[in-house]
């Protein structure tokens, strides 16, 4: 399926957010995730089903100001 991940269209096989993160080699419970503008907590990634065209954001916290 095609997803927009961090602003870039990608073809992926994953059907859940947790599977997507594994497929893209994102590791760490400290990463923030969102699907279609809604935050998805770490505990809900396994249950978060993806659909063709979803917009996914995977963000890392940064220091600074």
PDB file of N, CA and C in Angstrom:
ATOM      1  N   UNK A   1       0.842  -1.174   0.000  1.00  0.00           N
ATOM      2  CA  UNK A   1       0.000   0.000   0.000  1.00  0.00           C
ATOM      3  C   UNK A   1       0.884   1.232   0.000  1.00  0.00           C
ATOM      4  N   UNK A   2       0.335   2.340  -0.459  1.00  0.00           N
ATOM      5  CA  UNK A   2       1.066   3.604  -0.483  1.00  0.00           C
ATOM      6  C   UNK A   2       0.660   4.450   0.716  1.00  0.00           C
ATOM      7  N   UNK A   3       1.682   4.924   1.431  1.00  0.00           N
ATOM      8  CA  UNK A   3       1.487   5.810   2.568  1.00  0.00           C
ATOM      9  C   UNK A   3       2.340   7.053   2.359  1.00  0.00           C
ATOM     10  N   UNK A   4       1.952   8.144   2.981  1.00  0.00           N
ATOM     11  CA  UNK A   4       2.779   9.340   3.009  1.00  0.00           C
ATOM     12  C   UNK A   4       3.459   9.336   4.373  1.00  0.00           C
ATOM     13  N   UNK A   5       4.772   9.091   4.373  1.00  0.00           N
ATOM     14  CA  UNK A   5       5.524   8.959   5.622  1.00  0.00           C
ATOM     15  C   UNK A   5       6.487  10.132   5.727  1.00  0.00           C
ATOM     16  N   UNK A   6       6.280  10.946   6.743  1.00  0.00           N
ATOM     17  CA  UNK A   6       7.085  12.153   6.944  1.00  0.00           C
ATOM     18  C   UNK A   6       7.160  12.972   5.655  1.00  0.00           C
ATOM     19  N   UNK A   7       6.020  13.077   4.968  1.00  0.00           N
ATOM     20  CA  UNK A   7       5.920  13.904   3.774  1.00  0.00           C
ATOM     21  C   UNK A   7       6.363  13.246   2.477  1.00  0.00           C
ATOM     22  N   UNK A   8       6.778  11.980   2.535  1.00  0.00           N
ATOM     23  CA  UNK A   8       7.269  11.277   1.346  1.00  0.00           C
ATOM     24  C   UNK A   8       6.399  10.057   1.060  1.00  0.00           C
ATOM     25  N   UNK A   9       5.936   9.908  -0.177  1.00  0.00           N
ATOM     26  CA  UNK A   9       5.122   8.748  -0.552  1.00  0.00           C
ATOM     27  C   UNK A   9       6.020   7.513  -0.622  1.00  0.00           C
ATOM     28  N   UNK A  10       5.587   6.462   0.074  1.00  0.00           N
ATOM     29  CA  UNK A  10       6.347   5.207   0.080  1.00  0.00           C
ATOM     30  C   UNK A  10       5.393   4.036  -0.083  1.00  0.00           C
ATOM     31  N   UNK A  11       5.853   2.997  -0.747  1.00  0.00           N
ATOM     32  CA  UNK A  11       5.114   1.743  -0.896  1.00  0.00           C
ATOM     33  C   UNK A  11       5.600   0.807   0.206  1.00  0.00           C
ATOM     34  N   UNK A  12       4.679   0.298   1.023  1.00  0.00           N
ATOM     35  CA  UNK A  12       5.042  -0.568   2.147  1.00  0.00           C
ATOM     36  C   UNK A  12       4.129  -1.784   2.201  1.00  0.00           C
ATOM     37  N   UNK A  13       4.573  -2.798   2.934  1.00  0.00           N
ATOM     38  CA  UNK A  13       3.782  -4.012   3.103  1.00  0.00           C
ATOM     39  C   UNK A  13       3.059  -4.051   4.448  1.00  0.00           C
ATOM     40  N   UNK A  14       3.506  -3.242   5.404  1.00  0.00           N
ATOM     41  CA  UNK A  14       2.969  -3.261   6.766  1.00  0.00           C
ATOM     42  C   UNK A  14       1.481  -2.908   6.801  1.00  0.00           C
ATOM     43  N   UNK A  15       0.763  -3.533   7.741  1.00  0.00           N
ATOM     44  CA  UNK A  15      -0.662  -3.234   7.886  1.00  0.00           C
ATOM     45  C   UNK A  15      -1.009  -2.584   9.225  1.00  0.00           C
ATOM     46  N   UNK A  16      -0.027  -2.478  10.120  1.00  0.00           N
ATOM     47  CA  UNK A  16      -0.211  -1.762  11.383  1.00  0.00           C
ATOM     48  C   UNK A  16       0.942  -0.783  11.555  1.00  0.00           C
ATOM     49  N   UNK A  17       0.762   0.179  12.439  1.00  0.00           N
ATOM     50  CA  UNK A  17       1.813   1.157  12.676  1.00  0.00           C
ATOM     51  C   UNK A  17       3.052   0.488  13.274  1.00  0.00           C
ATOM     52  N   UNK A  18       2.870  -0.470  14.158  1.00  0.00           N
ATOM     53  CA  UNK A  18       4.010  -1.178  14.740  1.00  0.00           C
ATOM     54  C   UNK A  18       4.786  -1.929  13.663  1.00  0.00           C
ATOM     55  N   UNK A  19       4.083  -2.594  12.759  1.00  0.00           N
ATOM     56  CA  UNK A  19       4.741  -3.325  11.674  1.00  0.00           C
ATOM     57  C   UNK A  19       5.461  -2.360  10.731  1.00  0.00           C
ATOM     58  N   UNK A  20       4.873  -1.196  10.499  1.00  0.00           N
ATOM     59  CA  UNK A  20       5.507  -0.197   9.650  1.00  0.00           C
ATOM     60  C   UNK A  20       6.822   0.268  10.257  1.00  0.00           C
ATOM     61  N   UNK A  21       6.811   0.536  11.550  1.00  0.00           N
ATOM     62  CA  UNK A  21       8.033   0.995  12.206  1.00  0.00           C
ATOM     63  C   UNK A  21       9.126  -0.067  12.118  1.00  0.00           C
ATOM     64  N   UNK A  22       8.753  -1.337  12.258  1.00  0.00           N
ATOM     65  CA  UNK A  22       9.729  -2.418  12.123  1.00  0.00           C
ATOM     66  C   UNK A  22      10.233  -2.502  10.682  1.00  0.00           C
ATOM     67  N   UNK A  23       9.322  -2.396   9.714  1.00  0.00           N
ATOM     68  CA  UNK A  23       9.690  -2.462   8.300  1.00  0.00           C
ATOM     69  C   UNK A  23      10.673  -1.353   7.912  1.00  0.00           C
ATOM     70  N   UNK A  24      10.497  -0.174   8.496  1.00  0.00           N
ATOM     71  CA  UNK A  24      11.353   0.968   8.179  1.00  0.00           C
ATOM     72  C   UNK A  24      12.558   1.077   9.109  1.00  0.00           C
ATOM     73  N   UNK A  25      12.752   0.095   9.978  1.00  0.00           N
ATOM     74  CA  UNK A  25      13.868   0.051  10.931  1.00  0.00           C
ATOM     75  C   UNK A  25      13.871   1.207  11.921  1.00  0.00           C
ATOM     76  N   UNK A  26      12.671   1.621  12.339  1.00  0.00           N
ATOM     77  CA  UNK A  26      12.561   2.605  13.422  1.00  0.00           C
ATOM     78  C   UNK A  26      12.430   1.832  14.716  1.00  0.00           C
ATOM     79  N   UNK A  27      13.343   2.077  15.648  1.00  0.00           N
ATOM     80  CA  UNK A  27      13.288   1.396  16.930  1.00  0.00           C
ATOM     81  C   UNK A  27      13.288   2.446  18.035  1.00  0.00           C
ATOM     82  N   UNK A  28      12.603   2.140  19.091  1.00  0.00           N
ATOM     83  CA  UNK A  28      12.619   3.022  20.253  1.00  0.00           C
ATOM     84  C   UNK A  28      11.241   3.503  20.626  1.00  0.00           C
ATOM     85  N   UNK A  29      10.901   3.288  21.891  1.00  0.00           N
ATOM     86  CA  UNK A  29       9.609   3.735  22.392  1.00  0.00           C
ATOM     87  C   UNK A  29       9.585   5.236  22.628  1.00  0.00           C
ATOM     88  N   UNK A  30      10.704   5.896  22.436  1.00  0.00           N
ATOM     89  CA  UNK A  30      10.788   7.340  22.649  1.00  0.00           C
ATOM     90  C   UNK A  30      10.367   8.119  21.404  1.00  0.00           C
ATOM     91  N   UNK A  31      10.159   7.443  20.288  1.00  0.00           N
ATOM     92  CA  UNK A  31       9.705   8.106  19.068  1.00  0.00           C
ATOM     93  C   UNK A  31       8.219   8.443  19.180  1.00  0.00           C
ATOM     94  N   UNK A  32       7.841   9.583  18.658  1.00  0.00           N
ATOM     95  CA  UNK A  32       6.431   9.980  18.625  1.00  0.00           C
ATOM     96  C   UNK A  32       5.853   9.609  17.267  1.00  0.00           C
ATOM     97  N   UNK A  33       4.601   9.142  17.259  1.00  0.00           N
ATOM     98  CA  UNK A  33       3.968   8.752  16.000  1.00  0.00           C
ATOM     99  C   UNK A  33       2.574   9.365  15.901  1.00  0.00           C
ATOM    100  N   UNK A  34       2.176   9.607  14.647  1.00  0.00           N
ATOM    101  CA  UNK A  34       0.833  10.114  14.381  1.00  0.00           C
ATOM    102  C   UNK A  34       0.340   9.511  13.063  1.00  0.00           C
ATOM    103  N   UNK A  35      -0.962   9.264  13.010  1.00  0.00           N
ATOM    104  CA  UNK A  35      -1.610   8.802  11.775  1.00  0.00           C
ATOM    105  C   UNK A  35      -2.703   9.798  11.449  1.00  0.00           C
ATOM    106  N   UNK A  36      -2.621  10.379  10.267  1.00  0.00           N
ATOM    107  CA  UNK A  36      -3.614  11.359   9.803  1.00  0.00           C
ATOM    108  C   UNK A  36      -3.836  12.480  10.825  1.00  0.00           C
ATOM    109  N   UNK A  37      -2.735  12.936  11.429  1.00  0.00           N
ATOM    110  CA  UNK A  37      -2.800  14.062  12.351  1.00  0.00           C
ATOM    111  C   UNK A  37      -3.163  13.720  13.781  1.00  0.00           C
ATOM    112  N   UNK A  38      -3.449  12.453  14.058  1.00  0.00           N
ATOM    113  CA  UNK A  38      -3.810  12.021  15.414  1.00  0.00           C
ATOM    114  C   UNK A  38      -2.648  11.260  16.044  1.00  0.00           C
ATOM    115  N   UNK A  39      -2.228  11.678  17.235  1.00  0.00           N
ATOM    116  CA  UNK A  39      -1.134  11.010  17.939  1.00  0.00           C
ATOM    117  C   UNK A  39      -1.525   9.558  18.228  1.00  0.00           C
ATOM    118  N   UNK A  40      -0.568   8.651  18.008  1.00  0.00           N
ATOM    119  CA  UNK A  40      -0.778   7.236  18.322  1.00  0.00           C
ATOM    120  C   UNK A  40       0.224   6.856  19.407  1.00  0.00           C
ATOM    121  N   UNK A  41      -0.232   6.625  20.645  1.00  0.00           N
ATOM    122  CA  UNK A  41       0.668   6.235  21.725  1.00  0.00           C
ATOM    123  C   UNK A  41       1.343   4.886  21.448  1.00  0.00           C
ATOM    124  N   UNK A  42       2.498   4.692  22.057  1.00  0.00           N
ATOM    125  CA  UNK A  42       3.263   3.459  21.877  1.00  0.00           C
ATOM    126  C   UNK A  42       2.388   2.227  22.105  1.00  0.00           C
ATOM    127  N   UNK A  43       1.598   2.240  23.156  1.00  0.00           N
ATOM    128  CA  UNK A  43       0.775   1.075  23.517  1.00  0.00           C
ATOM    129  C   UNK A  43      -0.288   0.739  22.470  1.00  0.00           C
ATOM    130  N   UNK A  44      -0.609   1.685  21.589  1.00  0.00           N
ATOM    131  CA  UNK A  44      -1.661   1.457  20.593  1.00  0.00           C
ATOM    132  C   UNK A  44      -1.136   1.172  19.190  1.00  0.00           C
ATOM    133  N   UNK A  45       0.171   1.186  19.009  1.00  0.00           N
ATOM    134  CA  UNK A  45       0.737   0.985  17.663  1.00  0.00           C
ATOM    135  C   UNK A  45       0.403  -0.382  17.076  1.00  0.00           C
ATOM    136  N   UNK A  46       0.368  -1.408  17.902  1.00  0.00           N
ATOM    137  CA  UNK A  46       0.039  -2.763  17.410  1.00  0.00           C
ATOM    138  C   UNK A  46      -1.385  -2.826  16.879  1.00  0.00           C
ATOM    139  N   UNK A  47      -2.276  -2.038  17.457  1.00  0.00           N
ATOM    140  CA  UNK A  47      -3.692  -2.058  17.085  1.00  0.00           C
ATOM    141  C   UNK A  47      -4.040  -1.039  16.006  1.00  0.00           C
ATOM    142  N   UNK A  48      -3.123  -0.150  15.699  1.00  0.00           N
ATOM    143  CA  UNK A  48      -3.379   0.932  14.748  1.00  0.00           C
ATOM    144  C   UNK A  48      -3.254   0.409  13.315  1.00  0.00           C
ATOM    145  N   UNK A  49      -4.394   0.124  12.689  1.00  0.00           N
ATOM    146  CA  UNK A  49      -4.440  -0.404  11.320  1.00  0.00           C
ATOM    147  C   UNK A  49      -4.200   0.726  10.322  1.00  0.00           C
ATOM    148  N   UNK A  50      -3.416   0.434   9.302  1.00  0.00           N
ATOM    149  CA  UNK A  50      -3.108   1.409   8.276  1.00  0.00           C
ATOM    150  C   UNK A  50      -3.976   1.168   7.048  1.00  0.00           C
ATOM    151  N   UNK A  51      -4.255   2.255   6.334  1.00  0.00           N
ATOM    152  CA  UNK A  51      -5.027   2.174   5.095  1.00  0.00           C
ATOM    153  C   UNK A  51      -4.285   2.944   4.008  1.00  0.00           C
ATOM    154  N   UNK A  52      -4.478   2.525   2.780  1.00  0.00           N
ATOM    155  CA  UNK A  52      -3.847   3.171   1.642  1.00  0.00           C
ATOM    156  C   UNK A  52      -4.103   4.682   1.698  1.00  0.00           C
ATOM    157  N   UNK A  53      -3.039   5.471   1.558  1.00  0.00           N
ATOM    158  CA  UNK A  53      -3.166   6.917   1.557  1.00  0.00           C
ATOM    159  C   UNK A  53      -3.011   7.584   2.915  1.00  0.00           C
ATOM    160  N   UNK A  54      -2.891   6.795   3.993  1.00  0.00           N
ATOM    161  CA  UNK A  54      -2.701   7.390   5.319  1.00  0.00           C
ATOM    162  C   UNK A  54      -1.444   8.250   5.343  1.00  0.00           C
ATOM    163  N   UNK A  55      -1.496   9.295   6.162  1.00  0.00           N
ATOM    164  CA  UNK A  55      -0.345  10.167   6.395  1.00  0.00           C
ATOM    165  C   UNK A  55       0.240   9.807   7.753  1.00  0.00           C
ATOM    166  N   UNK A  56       1.489   9.380   7.762  1.00  0.00           N
ATOM    167  CA  UNK A  56       2.166   8.941   8.974  1.00  0.00           C
ATOM    168  C   UNK A  56       3.312   9.888   9.280  1.00  0.00           C
ATOM    169  N   UNK A  57       3.422  10.275  10.527  1.00  0.00           N
ATOM    170  CA  UNK A  57       4.548  11.066  11.002  1.00  0.00           C
ATOM    171  C   UNK A  57       5.268  10.271  12.083  1.00  0.00           C
ATOM    172  N   UNK A  58       6.588  10.168  11.948  1.00  0.00           N
ATOM    173  CA  UNK A  58       7.424   9.523  12.947  1.00  0.00           C
ATOM    174  C   UNK A  58       8.476  10.566  13.328  1.00  0.00           C
ATOM    175  N   UNK A  59       8.416  10.992  14.582  1.00  0.00           N
ATOM    176  CA  UNK A  59       9.225  12.119  15.021  1.00  0.00           C
ATOM    177  C   UNK A  59      10.131  11.743  16.187  1.00  0.00           C
ATOM    178  N   UNK A  60      11.290  12.366  16.200  1.00  0.00           N
ATOM    179  CA  UNK A  60      12.252  12.189  17.286  1.00  0.00           C
ATOM    180  C   UNK A  60      12.346  13.494  18.056  1.00  0.00           C
ATOM    181  N   UNK A  61      12.297  13.441  19.394  1.00  0.00           N
ATOM    182  CA  UNK A  61      12.438  14.680  20.167  1.00  0.00           C
ATOM    183  C   UNK A  61      13.845  15.260  19.986  1.00  0.00           C
ATOM    184  N   UNK A  62      13.904  16.591  20.008  1.00  0.00           N
ATOM    185  CA  UNK A  62      15.185  17.280  19.842  1.00  0.00           C
ATOM    186  C   UNK A  62      15.376  18.300  20.947  1.00  0.00           C
ATOM    187  N   UNK A  63      16.607  18.483  21.344  1.00  0.00           N
ATOM    188  CA  UNK A  63      16.944  19.538  22.305  1.00  0.00           C
ATOM    189  C   UNK A  63      17.100  20.842  21.555  1.00  0.00           C
ATOM    190  N   UNK A  64      16.878  21.898  22.252  1.00  0.00           N
ATOM    191  CA  UNK A  64      17.090  23.207  21.622  1.00  0.00           C
ATOM    192  C   UNK A  64      16.020  24.195  22.044  1.00  0.00           C
ATOM    193  N   UNK A  65      16.068  25.322  21.437  1.00  0.00           N
ATOM    194  CA  UNK A  65      15.056  26.280  21.836  1.00  0.00           C
ATOM    195  C   UNK A  65      15.081  27.531  21.057  1.00  0.00           C
TER     196      UNK A  65
END
